[in-house]
């Protein structure tokens, strides 16, 4: 007898993981909303990577400053979800990102 069918969400999740770029930026983007929550993910987005530093574009300067103050906590959460997390985060205001 065959295996029971898999849920579509599980199948899509596996395909998404398999097709994601194997870069630090891609890994951070994949877990960003889980680490910072939906509200913060709605106003910020990891957009660049350079030498272990992830740049996060924020909706406003206020959000960039607030997230900068939270960067240690965010780094801990990212490192818990990733094999190897970023060394640092940089937050920039980029309205209309």
N, C-alpha and C. Protein backbone atom coordinates (compact mmCIF):
# COMPACT_ATOMS: atom_id res chain seq x y z
N UNK A 1 0.84 -1.17 0.00
CA UNK A 1 0.00 0.00 0.00
C UNK A 1 0.90 1.25 0.00
N UNK A 2 0.54 2.28 -0.73
CA UNK A 2 1.34 3.49 -0.88
C UNK A 2 1.26 4.41 0.33
N UNK A 3 2.12 5.38 0.30
CA UNK A 3 2.14 6.38 1.37
C UNK A 3 0.95 7.31 1.22
N UNK A 4 0.50 7.89 2.33
CA UNK A 4 -0.59 8.86 2.22
C UNK A 4 -0.11 10.12 1.50
N UNK A 5 -1.03 10.81 0.84
CA UNK A 5 -0.62 12.02 0.12
C UNK A 5 -0.10 13.09 1.07
N UNK A 6 0.81 13.91 0.56
CA UNK A 6 1.36 14.99 1.37
C UNK A 6 0.51 16.24 1.18
N UNK A 7 0.53 17.08 2.19
CA UNK A 7 -0.18 18.35 2.09
C UNK A 7 0.54 19.24 1.08
N UNK A 8 -0.23 20.03 0.36
CA UNK A 8 0.34 20.88 -0.67
C UNK A 8 1.32 21.89 -0.07
N UNK A 9 1.03 22.41 1.13
CA UNK A 9 1.92 23.38 1.77
C UNK A 9 3.28 22.79 2.05
N UNK A 10 3.32 21.54 2.48
CA UNK A 10 4.59 20.87 2.74
C UNK A 10 5.38 20.69 1.45
N UNK A 11 4.69 20.29 0.39
CA UNK A 11 5.35 20.07 -0.89
C UNK A 11 5.90 21.38 -1.45
N UNK A 12 5.11 22.43 -1.38
CA UNK A 12 5.56 23.74 -1.88
C UNK A 12 6.75 24.23 -1.04
N UNK A 13 6.69 24.04 0.27
CA UNK A 13 7.79 24.44 1.14
C UNK A 13 9.08 23.74 0.79
N UNK A 14 9.02 22.45 0.49
CA UNK A 14 10.22 21.71 0.11
C UNK A 14 10.79 22.19 -1.21
N UNK A 15 9.91 22.44 -2.17
CA UNK A 15 10.37 22.94 -3.48
C UNK A 15 11.00 24.32 -3.31
N UNK A 16 10.38 25.17 -2.50
CA UNK A 16 10.91 26.52 -2.27
C UNK A 16 12.30 26.44 -1.62
N UNK A 17 12.45 25.60 -0.63
CA UNK A 17 13.75 25.45 0.03
C UNK A 17 14.80 24.94 -0.94
N UNK A 18 14.43 23.97 -1.76
CA UNK A 18 15.38 23.37 -2.69
C UNK A 18 15.79 24.35 -3.78
N UNK A 19 14.89 25.26 -4.15
CA UNK A 19 15.20 26.19 -5.24
C UNK A 19 15.78 27.52 -4.76
N UNK A 20 15.80 27.74 -3.46
CA UNK A 20 16.34 28.99 -2.92
C UNK A 20 17.83 29.08 -3.16
N UNK A 21 18.33 30.27 -3.43
CA UNK A 21 19.77 30.40 -3.62
C UNK A 21 20.52 30.05 -2.35
N UNK A 22 21.64 29.40 -2.48
CA UNK A 22 22.41 28.95 -1.32
C UNK A 22 23.41 30.03 -0.91
N UNK A 23 22.89 31.20 -0.59
CA UNK A 23 23.71 32.31 -0.13
C UNK A 23 23.25 32.70 1.26
N UNK A 24 24.08 33.45 1.95
CA UNK A 24 23.70 33.96 3.26
C UNK A 24 22.44 34.82 3.13
N UNK A 25 22.42 35.69 2.11
CA UNK A 25 21.26 36.56 1.92
C UNK A 25 19.99 35.75 1.69
N UNK A 26 20.07 34.75 0.83
CA UNK A 26 18.91 33.90 0.57
C UNK A 26 18.43 33.19 1.82
N UNK A 27 19.36 32.73 2.63
CA UNK A 27 19.01 32.05 3.88
C UNK A 27 18.34 33.00 4.86
N UNK A 28 18.86 34.22 4.96
CA UNK A 28 18.25 35.21 5.86
C UNK A 28 16.86 35.57 5.36
N UNK A 29 16.72 35.79 4.07
CA UNK A 29 15.41 36.12 3.51
C UNK A 29 14.39 35.03 3.78
N UNK A 30 14.82 33.78 3.75
CA UNK A 30 13.90 32.66 3.97
C UNK A 30 13.36 32.61 5.39
N UNK A 31 14.12 33.09 6.37
CA UNK A 31 13.68 32.99 7.77
C UNK A 31 13.36 34.35 8.40
N UNK A 32 13.48 35.43 7.64
CA UNK A 32 13.33 36.78 8.18
C UNK A 32 12.00 36.96 8.92
N UNK A 33 10.89 36.66 8.28
CA UNK A 33 9.57 36.87 8.90
C UNK A 33 9.42 36.04 10.17
N UNK A 34 9.95 34.83 10.17
CA UNK A 34 9.87 33.97 11.36
C UNK A 34 10.67 34.57 12.52
N UNK A 35 11.76 35.23 12.20
CA UNK A 35 12.65 35.76 13.24
C UNK A 35 12.19 37.11 13.78
N UNK A 36 11.61 37.94 12.94
CA UNK A 36 11.26 39.29 13.38
C UNK A 36 9.76 39.50 13.54
N UNK A 37 8.95 38.58 13.04
CA UNK A 37 7.50 38.73 13.12
C UNK A 37 6.95 39.41 11.88
N UNK A 38 5.66 39.23 11.65
CA UNK A 38 5.02 39.73 10.44
C UNK A 38 5.01 41.25 10.35
N UNK A 39 4.80 41.94 11.48
CA UNK A 39 4.76 43.41 11.44
C UNK A 39 6.09 43.99 10.98
N UNK A 40 7.17 43.53 11.59
CA UNK A 40 8.49 44.05 11.21
C UNK A 40 8.87 43.59 9.81
N UNK A 41 8.53 42.36 9.46
CA UNK A 41 8.82 41.87 8.11
C UNK A 41 8.06 42.68 7.06
N UNK A 42 6.93 43.25 7.45
CA UNK A 42 6.15 44.07 6.53
C UNK A 42 6.78 45.42 6.22
N UNK A 43 7.72 45.86 7.06
CA UNK A 43 8.35 47.17 6.87
C UNK A 43 9.85 47.07 6.64
N UNK A 44 10.36 45.85 6.51
CA UNK A 44 11.79 45.65 6.33
C UNK A 44 12.05 44.42 5.47
N UNK A 45 13.20 44.44 4.80
CA UNK A 45 13.55 43.32 3.92
C UNK A 45 15.06 43.23 3.77
N UNK A 46 15.64 42.06 4.03
CA UNK A 46 17.07 41.87 3.77
C UNK A 46 17.30 41.99 2.26
N UNK A 47 18.22 42.87 1.88
CA UNK A 47 18.38 43.15 0.45
C UNK A 47 19.80 42.98 -0.09
N UNK A 48 20.78 42.90 0.79
CA UNK A 48 22.16 42.79 0.30
C UNK A 48 23.02 42.07 1.33
N UNK A 49 24.13 41.54 0.82
CA UNK A 49 25.09 40.83 1.68
C UNK A 49 26.49 41.22 1.25
N UNK A 50 27.33 41.47 2.23
CA UNK A 50 28.73 41.75 1.92
C UNK A 50 29.58 41.35 3.10
N UNK A 51 30.47 40.43 2.89
CA UNK A 51 31.44 39.98 3.88
C UNK A 51 30.78 39.66 5.22
N UNK A 52 29.69 38.90 5.18
CA UNK A 52 29.03 38.46 6.41
C UNK A 52 28.07 39.46 7.01
N UNK A 53 27.95 40.64 6.40
CA UNK A 53 27.01 41.64 6.89
C UNK A 53 25.79 41.68 5.97
N UNK A 54 24.61 41.62 6.58
CA UNK A 54 23.36 41.70 5.83
C UNK A 54 22.81 43.12 5.96
N UNK A 55 22.50 43.72 4.82
CA UNK A 55 21.85 45.03 4.81
C UNK A 55 20.35 44.81 4.70
N UNK A 56 19.63 45.49 5.57
CA UNK A 56 18.18 45.39 5.61
C UNK A 56 17.59 46.74 5.23
N UNK A 57 16.78 46.76 4.18
CA UNK A 57 16.11 47.99 3.76
C UNK A 57 14.82 48.13 4.55
N UNK A 58 14.62 49.32 5.11
CA UNK A 58 13.47 49.59 5.97
C UNK A 58 12.60 50.68 5.35
N UNK A 59 11.33 50.63 5.68
CA UNK A 59 10.35 51.55 5.14
C UNK A 59 10.64 53.01 5.52
N UNK A 60 11.26 53.23 6.66
CA UNK A 60 11.52 54.59 7.12
C UNK A 60 12.78 54.61 7.99
N UNK A 61 13.28 55.82 8.22
CA UNK A 61 14.44 55.99 9.09
C UNK A 61 14.11 55.58 10.53
N UNK A 62 12.87 55.80 10.93
CA UNK A 62 12.45 55.41 12.28
C UNK A 62 12.55 53.90 12.45
N UNK A 63 12.08 53.16 11.46
CA UNK A 63 12.19 51.69 11.53
C UNK A 63 13.65 51.26 11.49
N UNK A 64 14.45 51.87 10.67
CA UNK A 64 15.86 51.51 10.59
C UNK A 64 16.53 51.71 11.94
N UNK A 65 16.24 52.81 12.60
CA UNK A 65 16.83 53.08 13.91
C UNK A 65 16.32 52.09 14.96
N UNK A 66 15.03 51.81 14.94
CA UNK A 66 14.45 50.87 15.91
C UNK A 66 15.05 49.48 15.74
N UNK A 67 15.17 49.03 14.51
CA UNK A 67 15.73 47.70 14.26
C UNK A 67 17.22 47.66 14.59
N UNK A 68 17.91 48.76 14.39
CA UNK A 68 19.32 48.81 14.77
C UNK A 68 19.46 48.59 16.28
N UNK A 69 18.56 49.16 17.05
CA UNK A 69 18.58 48.96 18.50
C UNK A 69 18.27 47.51 18.88
N UNK A 70 17.55 46.82 18.03
CA UNK A 70 17.17 45.42 18.29
C UNK A 70 18.12 44.43 17.60
N UNK A 71 19.18 44.90 16.97
CA UNK A 71 20.00 44.04 16.11
C UNK A 71 20.59 42.84 16.85
N UNK A 72 21.01 43.00 18.10
CA UNK A 72 21.57 41.86 18.84
C UNK A 72 20.54 40.75 19.00
N UNK A 73 19.31 41.13 19.33
CA UNK A 73 18.24 40.14 19.49
C UNK A 73 17.91 39.46 18.16
N UNK A 74 17.88 40.25 17.10
CA UNK A 74 17.58 39.70 15.78
C UNK A 74 18.67 38.74 15.34
N UNK A 75 19.92 39.09 15.58
CA UNK A 75 21.04 38.20 15.23
C UNK A 75 20.93 36.87 15.96
N UNK A 76 20.58 36.90 17.24
CA UNK A 76 20.41 35.66 18.01
C UNK A 76 19.34 34.79 17.37
N UNK A 77 18.21 35.39 17.01
CA UNK A 77 17.11 34.62 16.40
C UNK A 77 17.51 34.06 15.05
N UNK A 78 18.22 34.86 14.24
CA UNK A 78 18.67 34.37 12.94
C UNK A 78 19.62 33.19 13.11
N UNK A 79 20.55 33.30 14.03
CA UNK A 79 21.53 32.23 14.24
C UNK A 79 20.89 30.96 14.77
N UNK A 80 19.80 31.09 15.51
CA UNK A 80 19.08 29.91 15.99
C UNK A 80 18.43 29.15 14.85
N UNK A 81 18.02 29.85 13.81
CA UNK A 81 17.31 29.23 12.69
C UNK A 81 18.21 28.83 11.53
N UNK A 82 19.44 29.33 11.51
CA UNK A 82 20.33 29.08 10.39
C UNK A 82 21.54 28.28 10.85
N UNK A 83 22.13 27.55 9.91
CA UNK A 83 23.35 26.82 10.23
C UNK A 83 24.47 27.79 10.61
N UNK A 84 24.59 28.83 9.84
CA UNK A 84 25.60 29.85 10.09
C UNK A 84 24.96 31.20 9.79
N UNK A 85 24.73 31.97 10.83
CA UNK A 85 24.06 33.26 10.67
C UNK A 85 25.02 34.36 10.27
N UNK A 86 24.47 35.53 9.97
CA UNK A 86 25.31 36.66 9.59
C UNK A 86 26.16 37.15 10.76
N UNK A 87 27.26 37.81 10.43
CA UNK A 87 28.12 38.39 11.46
C UNK A 87 27.51 39.67 12.02
N UNK A 88 26.85 40.43 11.15
CA UNK A 88 26.25 41.69 11.60
C UNK A 88 25.10 42.07 10.68
N UNK A 89 24.33 43.05 11.14
CA UNK A 89 23.21 43.59 10.38
C UNK A 89 23.39 45.08 10.22
N UNK A 90 22.95 45.58 9.09
CA UNK A 90 22.99 47.02 8.82
C UNK A 90 21.60 47.41 8.33
N UNK A 91 21.03 48.42 8.96
CA UNK A 91 19.67 48.84 8.62
C UNK A 91 19.71 50.19 7.92
N UNK A 92 19.04 50.26 6.78
CA UNK A 92 19.02 51.50 5.99
C UNK A 92 17.59 51.87 5.66
N UNK A 93 17.34 53.15 5.67
CA UNK A 93 16.04 53.66 5.25
C UNK A 93 15.97 53.61 3.72
N UNK A 94 14.92 52.99 3.25
CA UNK A 94 14.72 52.89 1.79
C UNK A 94 13.23 52.93 1.55
N UNK A 95 12.62 54.13 1.63
CA UNK A 95 11.17 54.25 1.42
C UNK A 95 10.76 53.68 0.08
N UNK A 96 9.62 53.00 0.07
CA UNK A 96 9.12 52.41 -1.16
C UNK A 96 9.86 51.18 -1.61
N UNK A 97 10.62 50.57 -0.67
CA UNK A 97 11.44 49.42 -1.00
C UNK A 97 10.64 48.46 -1.79
